[in-house]
Structure formats: structure tokens, C-alpha cells
Amino acid sequence: MSHHRATGLKALFAPVIAFGILGLIGIRYPELFGNGKDMADDAFLGIGSIGLLLALFALKPLVTALCLGSGASGGLFTPTLSTGAVLGGPSGWPGAWPGPALRPGPSP
């Protein structure tokens, strides 16, 4: 996205608009703020519903591209990992697989 970032006069207003949009979406989904580490931690611990995790899976790449395209600095590696985590998070929930339940945390 960095080669599509705003330049010239647009570079003054694009970040304000992009972060304004992120702020409005973030009212409903505050997990989208930051690099996604907290979002991935929640997915690994089984916090949140499947609907929430699917919404985060769809929204995180969009807001990352929006912010990077506006000219803001940021990365792609951690947001990509967190997006995969929220997609794969529910697979470790008890009842998702036959056999003994998987529990997050240290082994007994």
C-alpha cells in the first residue's frame, strides 16, 4: 500500500480522514486499534464470539490498508498474523474438534 499512499495536498487530509473512519469503526470494534496483538491474544484465549472474530477478520485488513494508504506509517506483518489468529482462533475452542477439550494456558 505504501506505493499508493497519498501525496501532495491529499497527504494533509488523508490521514485525518482515514483515522476518523477507523475511530468510528473502533467505537464498535476497539480491538482494531493497534497492531493486532491484543486481538490475537483474545482469539487464542477464546474471548469473543465467532461473529466478532469473523468481523475482525474482515475489518482488520481493510483498516490496515486504509491507514497505510493514507500515508501513515505502520507494518503489515503483525496485522497479518493477527488476522490469521482471529480466523483460526475458534478452531481451538472446546467442542470444535472431537476428543478431549483443548484448554488455553500452561499444561498441568
PDB file of N, CA and C in Angstrom:
ATOM      1  N   MET A   1       0.808  -1.199   0.000  1.00  0.00           N
ATOM      2  CA  MET A   1       0.000   0.000   0.000  1.00  0.00           C
ATOM      3  C   MET A   1       0.847   1.257   0.000  1.00  0.00           C
ATOM      4  N   SER A   2       2.103   1.149   0.392  1.00  0.00           N
ATOM      5  CA  SER A   2       2.916   2.356   0.507  1.00  0.00           C
ATOM      6  C   SER A   2       3.122   3.049  -0.850  1.00  0.00           C
ATOM      7  N   HIS A   3       3.123   2.299  -1.947  1.00  0.00           N
ATOM      8  CA  HIS A   3       3.301   2.944  -3.243  1.00  0.00           C
ATOM      9  C   HIS A   3       2.013   3.607  -3.738  1.00  0.00           C
ATOM     10  N   HIS A   4       0.890   3.378  -3.046  1.00  0.00           N
ATOM     11  CA  HIS A   4      -0.378   4.034  -3.385  1.00  0.00           C
ATOM     12  C   HIS A   4      -0.728   5.139  -2.393  1.00  0.00           C
ATOM     13  N   ARG A   5       0.191   5.452  -1.483  1.00  0.00           N
ATOM     14  CA  ARG A   5      -0.133   6.423  -0.435  1.00  0.00           C
ATOM     15  C   ARG A   5      -0.394   7.803  -1.015  1.00  0.00           C
ATOM     16  N   ALA A   6      -1.132   8.588  -0.254  1.00  0.00           N
ATOM     17  CA  ALA A   6      -1.492   9.930  -0.676  1.00  0.00           C
ATOM     18  C   ALA A   6      -0.252  10.816  -0.744  1.00  0.00           C
ATOM     19  N   THR A   7      -0.225  11.691  -1.728  1.00  0.00           N
ATOM     20  CA  THR A   7       0.884  12.630  -1.889  1.00  0.00           C
ATOM     21  C   THR A   7       0.314  14.025  -2.115  1.00  0.00           C
ATOM     22  N   GLY A   8       1.179  15.002  -2.013  1.00  0.00           N
ATOM     23  CA  GLY A   8       0.771  16.376  -2.267  1.00  0.00           C
ATOM     24  C   GLY A   8      -0.215  16.877  -1.234  1.00  0.00           C
ATOM     25  N   LEU A   9      -1.199  17.623  -1.681  1.00  0.00           N
ATOM     26  CA  LEU A   9      -2.199  18.208  -0.791  1.00  0.00           C
ATOM     27  C   LEU A   9      -3.063  17.136  -0.124  1.00  0.00           C
ATOM     28  N   LYS A  10      -3.276  16.026  -0.826  1.00  0.00           N
ATOM     29  CA  LYS A  10      -4.056  14.925  -0.245  1.00  0.00           C
ATOM     30  C   LYS A  10      -3.392  14.362   1.002  1.00  0.00           C
ATOM     31  N   ALA A  11      -2.061  14.426   1.056  1.00  0.00           N
ATOM     32  CA  ALA A  11      -1.326  13.869   2.194  1.00  0.00           C
ATOM     33  C   ALA A  11      -1.627  14.615   3.484  1.00  0.00           C
ATOM     34  N   LEU A  12      -2.145  15.828   3.393  1.00  0.00           N
ATOM     35  CA  LEU A  12      -2.523  16.572   4.595  1.00  0.00           C
ATOM     36  C   LEU A  12      -3.843  16.090   5.178  1.00  0.00           C
ATOM     37  N   PHE A  13      -4.759  15.708   4.319  1.00  0.00           N
ATOM     38  CA  PHE A  13      -6.099  15.377   4.772  1.00  0.00           C
ATOM     39  C   PHE A  13      -6.376  13.877   4.848  1.00  0.00           C
ATOM     40  N   ALA A  14      -5.668  13.094   4.070  1.00  0.00           N
ATOM     41  CA  ALA A  14      -5.930  11.647   4.022  1.00  0.00           C
ATOM     42  C   ALA A  14      -5.766  10.971   5.380  1.00  0.00           C
ATOM     43  N   PRO A  15      -4.704  11.243   6.156  1.00  0.00           N
ATOM     44  CA  PRO A  15      -4.603  10.590   7.468  1.00  0.00           C
ATOM     45  C   PRO A  15      -5.727  10.980   8.421  1.00  0.00           C
ATOM     46  N   VAL A  16      -6.142  12.232   8.372  1.00  0.00           N
ATOM     47  CA  VAL A  16      -7.228  12.685   9.243  1.00  0.00           C
ATOM     48  C   VAL A  16      -8.514  11.938   8.909  1.00  0.00           C
ATOM     49  N   ILE A  17      -8.794  11.805   7.640  1.00  0.00           N
ATOM     50  CA  ILE A  17      -9.997  11.089   7.210  1.00  0.00           C
ATOM     51  C   ILE A  17      -9.883   9.608   7.537  1.00  0.00           C
ATOM     52  N   ALA A  18      -8.732   9.002   7.241  1.00  0.00           N
ATOM     53  CA  ALA A  18      -8.545   7.566   7.496  1.00  0.00           C
ATOM     54  C   ALA A  18      -8.675   7.243   8.979  1.00  0.00           C
ATOM     55  N   PHE A  19      -8.014   8.033   9.834  1.00  0.00           N
ATOM     56  CA  PHE A  19      -8.094   7.757  11.265  1.00  0.00           C
ATOM     57  C   PHE A  19      -9.453   8.139  11.836  1.00  0.00           C
ATOM     58  N   GLY A  20     -10.141   9.075  11.205  1.00  0.00           N
ATOM     59  CA  GLY A  20     -11.523   9.365  11.602  1.00  0.00           C
ATOM     60  C   GLY A  20     -12.436   8.175  11.329  1.00  0.00           C
ATOM     61  N   ILE A  21     -12.267   7.563  10.160  1.00  0.00           N
ATOM     62  CA  ILE A  21     -13.050   6.373   9.824  1.00  0.00           C
ATOM     63  C   ILE A  21     -12.709   5.231  10.774  1.00  0.00           C
ATOM     64  N   LEU A  22     -11.413   5.038  11.032  1.00  0.00           N
ATOM     65  CA  LEU A  22     -11.000   4.000  11.980  1.00  0.00           C
ATOM     66  C   LEU A  22     -11.587   4.258  13.363  1.00  0.00           C
ATOM     67  N   GLY A  23     -11.611   5.513  13.793  1.00  0.00           N
ATOM     68  CA  GLY A  23     -12.184   5.849  15.089  1.00  0.00           C
ATOM     69  C   GLY A  23     -13.667   5.533  15.162  1.00  0.00           C
ATOM     70  N   LEU A  24     -14.395   5.793  14.088  1.00  0.00           N
ATOM     71  CA  LEU A  24     -15.828   5.477  14.076  1.00  0.00           C
ATOM     72  C   LEU A  24     -16.075   3.972  14.105  1.00  0.00           C
ATOM     73  N   ILE A  25     -15.300   3.228  13.326  1.00  0.00           N
ATOM     74  CA  ILE A  25     -15.426   1.768  13.341  1.00  0.00           C
ATOM     75  C   ILE A  25     -14.965   1.222  14.690  1.00  0.00           C
ATOM     76  N   GLY A  26     -13.945   1.856  15.262  1.00  0.00           N
ATOM     77  CA  GLY A  26     -13.389   1.412  16.528  1.00  0.00           C
ATOM     78  C   GLY A  26     -14.317   1.595  17.714  1.00  0.00           C
ATOM     79  N   ILE A  27     -15.329   2.425  17.576  1.00  0.00           N
ATOM     80  CA  ILE A  27     -16.321   2.543  18.650  1.00  0.00           C
ATOM     81  C   ILE A  27     -17.000   1.197  18.860  1.00  0.00           C
ATOM     82  N   ARG A  28     -17.299   0.511  17.765  1.00  0.00           N
ATOM     83  CA  ARG A  28     -17.952  -0.803  17.846  1.00  0.00           C
ATOM     84  C   ARG A  28     -16.939  -1.931  18.012  1.00  0.00           C
ATOM     85  N   TYR A  29     -15.757  -1.786  17.381  1.00  0.00           N
ATOM     86  CA  TYR A  29     -14.727  -2.825  17.413  1.00  0.00           C
ATOM     87  C   TYR A  29     -13.397  -2.232  17.892  1.00  0.00           C
ATOM     88  N   PRO A  30     -13.235  -1.975  19.182  1.00  0.00           N
ATOM     89  CA  PRO A  30     -11.989  -1.363  19.668  1.00  0.00           C
ATOM     90  C   PRO A  30     -10.767  -2.266  19.505  1.00  0.00           C
ATOM     91  N   GLU A  31     -10.971  -3.541  19.211  1.00  0.00           N
ATOM     92  CA  GLU A  31      -9.860  -4.465  19.005  1.00  0.00           C
ATOM     93  C   GLU A  31      -9.045  -4.109  17.764  1.00  0.00           C
ATOM     94  N   LEU A  32      -9.607  -3.292  16.879  1.00  0.00           N
ATOM     95  CA  LEU A  32      -8.922  -2.934  15.643  1.00  0.00           C
ATOM     96  C   LEU A  32      -7.796  -1.943  15.858  1.00  0.00           C
ATOM     97  N   PHE A  33      -7.782  -1.255  16.990  1.00  0.00           N
ATOM     98  CA  PHE A  33      -6.730  -0.279  17.250  1.00  0.00           C
ATOM     99  C   PHE A  33      -5.414  -1.007  17.512  1.00  0.00           C
ATOM    100  N   GLY A  34      -4.329  -0.423  17.078  1.00  0.00           N
ATOM    101  CA  GLY A  34      -3.012  -1.008  17.324  1.00  0.00           C
ATOM    102  C   GLY A  34      -2.619  -2.004  16.255  1.00  0.00           C
ATOM    103  N   ASN A  35      -1.603  -2.788  16.568  1.00  0.00           N
ATOM    104  CA  ASN A  35      -1.042  -3.708  15.574  1.00  0.00           C
ATOM    105  C   ASN A  35      -1.761  -5.055  15.518  1.00  0.00           C
ATOM    106  N   GLY A  36      -2.670  -5.325  16.432  1.00  0.00           N
ATOM    107  CA  GLY A  36      -3.434  -6.564  16.398  1.00  0.00           C
ATOM    108  C   GLY A  36      -3.005  -7.594  17.420  1.00  0.00           C
ATOM    109  N   LYS A  37      -1.988  -7.305  18.208  1.00  0.00           N
ATOM    110  CA  LYS A  37      -1.511  -8.286  19.188  1.00  0.00           C
ATOM    111  C   LYS A  37      -2.598  -8.621  20.205  1.00  0.00           C
ATOM    112  N   ASP A  38      -3.305  -7.618  20.699  1.00  0.00           N
ATOM    113  CA  ASP A  38      -4.386  -7.874  21.656  1.00  0.00           C
ATOM    114  C   ASP A  38      -5.514  -8.676  21.015  1.00  0.00           C
ATOM    115  N   MET A  39      -5.777  -8.392  19.761  1.00  0.00           N
ATOM    116  CA  MET A  39      -6.810  -9.118  19.022  1.00  0.00           C
ATOM    117  C   MET A  39      -6.430 -10.595  18.902  1.00  0.00           C
ATOM    118  N   ALA A  40      -5.170 -10.875  18.614  1.00  0.00           N
ATOM    119  CA  ALA A  40      -4.695 -12.252  18.500  1.00  0.00           C
ATOM    120  C   ALA A  40      -4.724 -12.941  19.857  1.00  0.00           C
ATOM    121  N   ASP A  41      -4.320 -12.236  20.921  1.00  0.00           N
ATOM    122  CA  ASP A  41      -4.365 -12.822  22.271  1.00  0.00           C
ATOM    123  C   ASP A  41      -5.785 -13.232  22.644  1.00  0.00           C
ATOM    124  N   ASP A  42      -6.747 -12.363  22.354  1.00  0.00           N
ATOM    125  CA  ASP A  42      -8.145 -12.688  22.648  1.00  0.00           C
ATOM    126  C   ASP A  42      -8.608 -13.914  21.869  1.00  0.00           C
ATOM    127  N   ALA A  43      -8.190 -14.024  20.618  1.00  0.00           N
ATOM    128  CA  ALA A  43      -8.580 -15.177  19.805  1.00  0.00           C
ATOM    129  C   ALA A  43      -7.978 -16.459  20.363  1.00  0.00           C
ATOM    130  N   PHE A  44      -6.716 -16.397  20.794  1.00  0.00           N
ATOM    131  CA  PHE A  44      -6.058 -17.584  21.335  1.00  0.00           C
ATOM    132  C   PHE A  44      -6.675 -18.022  22.658  1.00  0.00           C
ATOM    133  N   LEU A  45      -7.177 -17.063  23.428  1.00  0.00           N
ATOM    134  CA  LEU A  45      -7.772 -17.383  24.731  1.00  0.00           C
ATOM    135  C   LEU A  45      -9.259 -17.694  24.638  1.00  0.00           C
ATOM    136  N   GLY A  46      -9.836 -17.586  23.455  1.00  0.00           N
ATOM    137  CA  GLY A  46     -11.246 -17.910  23.284  1.00  0.00           C
ATOM    138  C   GLY A  46     -12.182 -16.818  23.748  1.00  0.00           C
ATOM    139  N   ILE A  47     -11.704 -15.587  23.781  1.00  0.00           N
ATOM    140  CA  ILE A  47     -12.533 -14.452  24.195  1.00  0.00           C
ATOM    141  C   ILE A  47     -13.237 -13.905  22.964  1.00  0.00           C
ATOM    142  N   GLY A  48     -14.536 -13.766  23.034  1.00  0.00           N
ATOM    143  CA  GLY A  48     -15.306 -13.233  21.914  1.00  0.00           C
ATOM    144  C   GLY A  48     -16.071 -14.319  21.197  1.00  0.00           C
ATOM    145  N   SER A  49     -17.082 -13.899  20.496  1.00  0.00           N
ATOM    146  CA  SER A  49     -17.927 -14.840  19.756  1.00  0.00           C
ATOM    147  C   SER A  49     -17.352 -15.087  18.366  1.00  0.00           C
ATOM    148  N   ILE A  50     -17.897 -16.088  17.710  1.00  0.00           N
ATOM    149  CA  ILE A  50     -17.465 -16.377  16.339  1.00  0.00           C
ATOM    150  C   ILE A  50     -17.805 -15.210  15.419  1.00  0.00           C
ATOM    151  N   GLY A  51     -18.956 -14.581  15.649  1.00  0.00           N
ATOM    152  CA  GLY A  51     -19.347 -13.418  14.847  1.00  0.00           C
ATOM    153  C   GLY A  51     -18.358 -12.274  14.993  1.00  0.00           C
ATOM    154  N   LEU A  52     -17.906 -12.015  16.232  1.00  0.00           N
ATOM    155  CA  LEU A  52     -16.930 -10.959  16.459  1.00  0.00           C
ATOM    156  C   LEU A  52     -15.617 -11.286  15.768  1.00  0.00           C
ATOM    157  N   LEU A  53     -15.150 -12.515  15.887  1.00  0.00           N
ATOM    158  CA  LEU A  53     -13.888 -12.894  15.262  1.00  0.00           C
ATOM    159  C   LEU A  53     -13.961 -12.810  13.742  1.00  0.00           C
ATOM    160  N   LEU A  54     -15.080 -13.176  13.167  1.00  0.00           N
ATOM    161  CA  LEU A  54     -15.227 -13.063  11.713  1.00  0.00           C
ATOM    162  C   LEU A  54     -15.277 -11.607  11.269  1.00  0.00           C
ATOM    163  N   ALA A  55     -15.925 -10.754  12.071  1.00  0.00           N
ATOM    164  CA  ALA A  55     -15.953  -9.324  11.753  1.00  0.00           C
ATOM    165  C   ALA A  55     -14.545  -8.738  11.815  1.00  0.00           C
ATOM    166  N   LEU A  56     -13.780  -9.114  12.837  1.00  0.00           N
ATOM    167  CA  LEU A  56     -12.406  -8.632  12.946  1.00  0.00           C
ATOM    168  C   LEU A  56     -11.542  -9.148  11.804  1.00  0.00           C
ATOM    169  N   PHE A  57     -11.790 -10.392  11.396  1.00  0.00           N
ATOM    170  CA  PHE A  57     -11.065 -10.972  10.266  1.00  0.00           C
ATOM    171  C   PHE A  57     -11.309 -10.169   8.987  1.00  0.00           C
ATOM    172  N   ALA A  58     -12.515  -9.681   8.797  1.00  0.00           N
ATOM    173  CA  ALA A  58     -12.830  -8.906   7.600  1.00  0.00           C
ATOM    174  C   ALA A  58     -12.358  -7.452   7.708  1.00  0.00           C
ATOM    175  N   LEU A  59     -12.453  -6.871   8.901  1.00  0.00           N
ATOM    176  CA  LEU A  59     -12.181  -5.447   9.055  1.00  0.00           C
ATOM    177  C   LEU A  59     -10.703  -5.099   9.212  1.00  0.00           C
ATOM    178  N   LYS A  60      -9.918  -5.950   9.866  1.00  0.00           N
ATOM    179  CA  LYS A  60      -8.514  -5.599  10.139  1.00  0.00           C
ATOM    180  C   LYS A  60      -7.716  -5.344   8.864  1.00  0.00           C
ATOM    181  N   PRO A  61      -7.801  -6.186   7.833  1.00  0.00           N
ATOM    182  CA  PRO A  61      -7.053  -5.862   6.606  1.00  0.00           C
ATOM    183  C   PRO A  61      -7.545  -4.574   5.939  1.00  0.00           C
ATOM    184  N   LEU A  62      -8.843  -4.310   6.036  1.00  0.00           N
ATOM    185  CA  LEU A  62      -9.375  -3.099   5.410  1.00  0.00           C
ATOM    186  C   LEU A  62      -8.871  -1.838   6.096  1.00  0.00           C
ATOM    187  N   VAL A  63      -8.923  -1.803   7.424  1.00  0.00           N
ATOM    188  CA  VAL A  63      -8.464  -0.600   8.119  1.00  0.00           C
ATOM    189  C   VAL A  63      -6.945  -0.463   8.046  1.00  0.00           C
ATOM    190  N   THR A  64      -6.219  -1.574   7.990  1.00  0.00           N
ATOM    191  CA  THR A  64      -4.768  -1.501   7.819  1.00  0.00           C
ATOM    192  C   THR A  64      -4.438  -0.888   6.464  1.00  0.00           C
ATOM    193  N   ALA A  65      -5.092  -1.342   5.406  1.00  0.00           N
ATOM    194  CA  ALA A  65      -4.865  -0.792   4.069  1.00  0.00           C
ATOM    195  C   ALA A  65      -5.293   0.669   4.003  1.00  0.00           C
ATOM    196  N   LEU A  66      -6.392   1.010   4.664  1.00  0.00           N
ATOM    197  CA  LEU A  66      -6.862   2.392   4.682  1.00  0.00           C
ATOM    198  C   LEU A  66      -5.832   3.313   5.328  1.00  0.00           C
ATOM    199  N   CYS A  67      -5.313   2.909   6.469  1.00  0.00           N
ATOM    200  CA  CYS A  67      -4.336   3.742   7.187  1.00  0.00           C
ATOM    201  C   CYS A  67      -3.008   3.827   6.452  1.00  0.00           C
ATOM    202  N   LEU A  68      -2.519   2.713   5.929  1.00  0.00           N
ATOM    203  CA  LEU A  68      -1.259   2.745   5.180  1.00  0.00           C
ATOM    204  C   LEU A  68      -1.409   3.529   3.884  1.00  0.00           C
ATOM    205  N   GLY A  69      -2.548   3.409   3.239  1.00  0.00           N
ATOM    206  CA  GLY A  69      -2.798   4.150   2.007  1.00  0.00           C
ATOM    207  C   GLY A  69      -2.921   5.648   2.221  1.00  0.00           C
ATOM    208  N   SER A  70      -3.244   6.050   3.449  1.00  0.00           N
ATOM    209  CA  SER A  70      -3.358   7.478   3.742  1.00  0.00           C
ATOM    210  C   SER A  70      -1.995   8.127   3.943  1.00  0.00           C
ATOM    211  N   GLY A  71      -0.953   7.303   4.033  1.00  0.00           N
ATOM    212  CA  GLY A  71       0.384   7.836   4.243  1.00  0.00           C
ATOM    213  C   GLY A  71       0.903   7.625   5.651  1.00  0.00           C
ATOM    214  N   ALA A  72       0.096   7.052   6.528  1.00  0.00           N
ATOM    215  CA  ALA A  72       0.543   6.781   7.892  1.00  0.00           C
ATOM    216  C   ALA A  72       1.561   5.652   7.871  1.00  0.00           C
ATOM    217  N   SER A  73       2.480   5.696   8.817  1.00  0.00           N
ATOM    218  CA  SER A  73       3.463   4.622   8.879  1.00  0.00           C
ATOM    219  C   SER A  73       2.887   3.450   9.657  1.00  0.00           C
ATOM    220  N   GLY A  74       3.341   2.287   9.343  1.00  0.00           N
ATOM    221  CA  GLY A  74       2.861   1.089  10.020  1.00  0.00           C
ATOM    222  C   GLY A  74       3.385  -0.139   9.322  1.00  0.00           C
ATOM    223  N   GLY A  75       3.073  -1.269   9.907  1.00  0.00           N
ATOM    224  CA  GLY A  75       3.564  -2.519   9.358  1.00  0.00           C
ATOM    225  C   GLY A  75       2.461  -3.355   8.755  1.00  0.00           C
ATOM    226  N   LEU A  76       2.873  -4.458   8.196  1.00  0.00           N
ATOM    227  CA  LEU A  76       1.942  -5.423   7.628  1.00  0.00           C
ATOM    228  C   LEU A  76       2.068  -6.781   8.295  1.00  0.00           C
ATOM    229  N   PHE A  77       3.216  -7.068   8.885  1.00  0.00           N
ATOM    230  CA  PHE A  77       3.463  -8.403   9.399  1.00  0.00           C
ATOM    231  C   PHE A  77       2.554  -8.736  10.588  1.00  0.00           C
ATOM    232  N   THR A  78       2.551  -7.911  11.621  1.00  0.00           N
ATOM    233  CA  THR A  78       1.735  -8.199  12.803  1.00  0.00           C
ATOM    234  C   THR A  78       0.235  -8.151  12.492  1.00  0.00           C
ATOM    235  N   PRO A  79      -0.255  -7.163  11.730  1.00  0.00           N
ATOM    236  CA  PRO A  79      -1.680  -7.210  11.385  1.00  0.00           C
ATOM    237  C   PRO A  79      -2.075  -8.461  10.593  1.00  0.00           C
ATOM    238  N   THR A  80      -1.163  -8.949   9.757  1.00  0.00           N
ATOM    239  CA  THR A  80      -1.456 -10.171   9.004  1.00  0.00           C
ATOM    240  C   THR A  80      -1.535 -11.378   9.937  1.00  0.00           C
ATOM    241  N   LEU A  81      -0.607 -11.466  10.880  1.00  0.00           N
ATOM    242  CA  LEU A  81      -0.640 -12.562  11.855  1.00  0.00           C
ATOM    243  C   LEU A  81      -1.901 -12.516  12.703  1.00  0.00           C
ATOM    244  N   SER A  82      -2.290 -11.324  13.136  1.00  0.00           N
ATOM    245  CA  SER A  82      -3.484 -11.218  13.979  1.00  0.00           C
ATOM    246  C   SER A  82      -4.745 -11.563  13.190  1.00  0.00           C
ATOM    247  N   THR A  83      -4.760 -11.238  11.915  1.00  0.00           N
ATOM    248  CA  THR A  83      -5.913 -11.594  11.088  1.00  0.00           C
ATOM    249  C   THR A  83      -6.038 -13.113  10.975  1.00  0.00           C
ATOM    250  N   GLY A  84      -4.935 -13.787  10.805  1.00  0.00           N
ATOM    251  CA  GLY A  84      -4.959 -15.254  10.781  1.00  0.00           C
ATOM    252  C   GLY A  84      -5.355 -15.844  12.122  1.00  0.00           C
ATOM    253  N   ALA A  85      -4.944 -15.198  13.191  1.00  0.00           N
ATOM    254  CA  ALA A  85      -5.283 -15.690  14.533  1.00  0.00           C
ATOM    255  C   ALA A  85      -6.781 -15.620  14.799  1.00  0.00           C
ATOM    256  N   VAL A  86      -7.414 -14.523  14.376  1.00  0.00           N
ATOM    257  CA  VAL A  86      -8.853 -14.433  14.630  1.00  0.00           C
ATOM    258  C   VAL A  86      -9.638 -15.369  13.723  1.00  0.00           C
ATOM    259  N   LEU A  87      -9.078 -15.738  12.592  1.00  0.00           N
ATOM    260  CA  LEU A  87      -9.749 -16.730  11.754  1.00  0.00           C
ATOM    261  C   LEU A  87      -9.576 -18.131  12.326  1.00  0.00           C
ATOM    262  N   GLY A  88      -8.393 -18.429  12.832  1.00  0.00           N
ATOM    263  CA  GLY A  88      -8.125 -19.760  13.362  1.00  0.00           C
ATOM    264  C   GLY A  88      -8.455 -19.931  14.831  1.00  0.00           C
ATOM    265  N   GLY A  89      -8.703 -18.841  15.553  1.00  0.00           N
ATOM    266  CA  GLY A  89      -8.966 -18.903  16.986  1.00  0.00           C
ATOM    267  C   GLY A  89     -10.086 -19.843  17.398  1.00  0.00           C
ATOM    268  N   PRO A  90     -11.238 -19.789  16.743  1.00  0.00           N
ATOM    269  CA  PRO A  90     -12.337 -20.659  17.162  1.00  0.00           C
ATOM    270  C   PRO A  90     -12.060 -22.150  16.983  1.00  0.00           C
ATOM    271  N   SER A  91     -11.079 -22.521  16.174  1.00  0.00           N
ATOM    272  CA  SER A  91     -10.815 -23.940  15.959  1.00  0.00           C
ATOM    273  C   SER A  91     -10.272 -24.617  17.208  1.00  0.00           C
ATOM    274  N   GLY A  92      -9.761 -23.850  18.144  1.00  0.00           N
ATOM    275  CA  GLY A  92      -9.254 -24.424  19.382  1.00  0.00           C
ATOM    276  C   GLY A  92     -10.252 -24.422  20.516  1.00  0.00           C
ATOM    277  N   TRP A  93     -11.459 -23.959  20.262  1.00  0.00           N
ATOM    278  CA  TRP A  93     -12.471 -23.921  21.316  1.00  0.00           C
ATOM    279  C   TRP A  93     -12.936 -25.328  21.659  1.00  0.00           C
ATOM    280  N   PRO A  94     -13.274 -25.579  22.905  1.00  0.00           N
ATOM    281  CA  PRO A  94     -13.836 -26.896  23.276  1.00  0.00           C
ATOM    282  C   PRO A  94     -15.087 -27.179  22.443  1.00  0.00           C
ATOM    283  N   GLY A  95     -15.166 -28.352  21.942  1.00  0.00           N
ATOM    284  CA  GLY A  95     -16.304 -28.742  21.113  1.00  0.00           C
ATOM    285  C   GLY A  95     -16.085 -28.528  19.637  1.00  0.00           C
ATOM    286  N   ALA A  96     -15.018 -27.818  19.274  1.00  0.00           N
ATOM    287  CA  ALA A  96     -14.753 -27.590  17.861  1.00  0.00           C
ATOM    288  C   ALA A  96     -14.201 -28.849  17.195  1.00  0.00           C
ATOM    289  N   TRP A  97     -13.517 -29.680  17.963  1.00  0.00           N
ATOM    290  CA  TRP A  97     -12.924 -30.904  17.450  1.00  0.00           C
ATOM    291  C   TRP A  97     -13.349 -32.063  18.341  1.00  0.00           C
ATOM    292  N   PRO A  98     -13.506 -33.238  17.784  1.00  0.00           N
ATOM    293  CA  PRO A  98     -13.822 -34.387  18.626  1.00  0.00           C
ATOM    294  C   PRO A  98     -12.624 -34.764  19.493  1.00  0.00           C
ATOM    295  N   GLY A  99     -12.888 -35.340  20.620  1.00  0.00           N
ATOM    296  CA  GLY A  99     -11.815 -35.749  21.523  1.00  0.00           C
ATOM    297  C   GLY A  99     -11.730 -34.830  22.722  1.00  0.00           C
ATOM    298  N   PRO A 100     -10.628 -34.898  23.449  1.00  0.00           N
ATOM    299  CA  PRO A 100     -10.507 -34.078  24.655  1.00  0.00           C
ATOM    300  C   PRO A 100     -10.517 -32.587  24.321  1.00  0.00           C
ATOM    301  N   ALA A 101     -11.091 -31.829  25.223  1.00  0.00           N
ATOM    302  CA  ALA A 101     -11.179 -30.382  25.024  1.00  0.00           C
ATOM    303  C   ALA A 101      -9.803 -29.740  25.124  1.00  0.00           C
ATOM    304  N   LEU A 102      -9.557 -28.772  24.268  1.00  0.00           N
ATOM    305  CA  LEU A 102      -8.311 -28.032  24.314  1.00  0.00           C
ATOM    306  C   LEU A 102      -8.485 -26.851  25.252  1.00  0.00           C
ATOM    307  N   ARG A 103      -7.555 -26.649  26.134  1.00  0.00           N
ATOM    308  CA  ARG A 103      -7.629 -25.549  27.078  1.00  0.00           C
ATOM    309  C   ARG A 103      -6.422 -24.633  26.867  1.00  0.00           C
ATOM    310  N   PRO A 104      -6.652 -23.315  26.785  1.00  0.00           N
ATOM    311  CA  PRO A 104      -5.522 -22.400  26.672  1.00  0.00           C
ATOM    312  C   PRO A 104      -4.774 -22.325  27.997  1.00  0.00           C
ATOM    313  N   GLY A 105      -3.503 -22.034  27.914  1.00  0.00           N
ATOM    314  CA  GLY A 105      -2.716 -21.859  29.132  1.00  0.00           C
ATOM    315  C   GLY A 105      -1.695 -22.963  29.300  1.00  0.00           C
ATOM    316  N   PRO A 106      -0.972 -22.916  30.423  1.00  0.00           N
ATOM    317  CA  PRO A 106       0.083 -23.902  30.640  1.00  0.00           C
ATOM    318  C   PRO A 106      -0.471 -25.291  30.910  1.00  0.00           C
ATOM    319  N   SER A 107       0.319 -26.287  30.608  1.00  0.00           N
ATOM    320  CA  SER A 107      -0.068 -27.682  30.854  1.00  0.00           C
ATOM    321  C   SER A 107      -0.009 -27.972  32.343  1.00  0.00           C
ATOM    322  N   PRO A 108      -0.897 -28.854  32.843  1.00  0.00           N
ATOM    323  CA  PRO A 108      -0.870 -29.173  34.268  1.00  0.00           C
ATOM    324  C   PRO A 108       0.342 -30.004  34.646  1.00  0.00           C
TER     325      PRO A 108
END
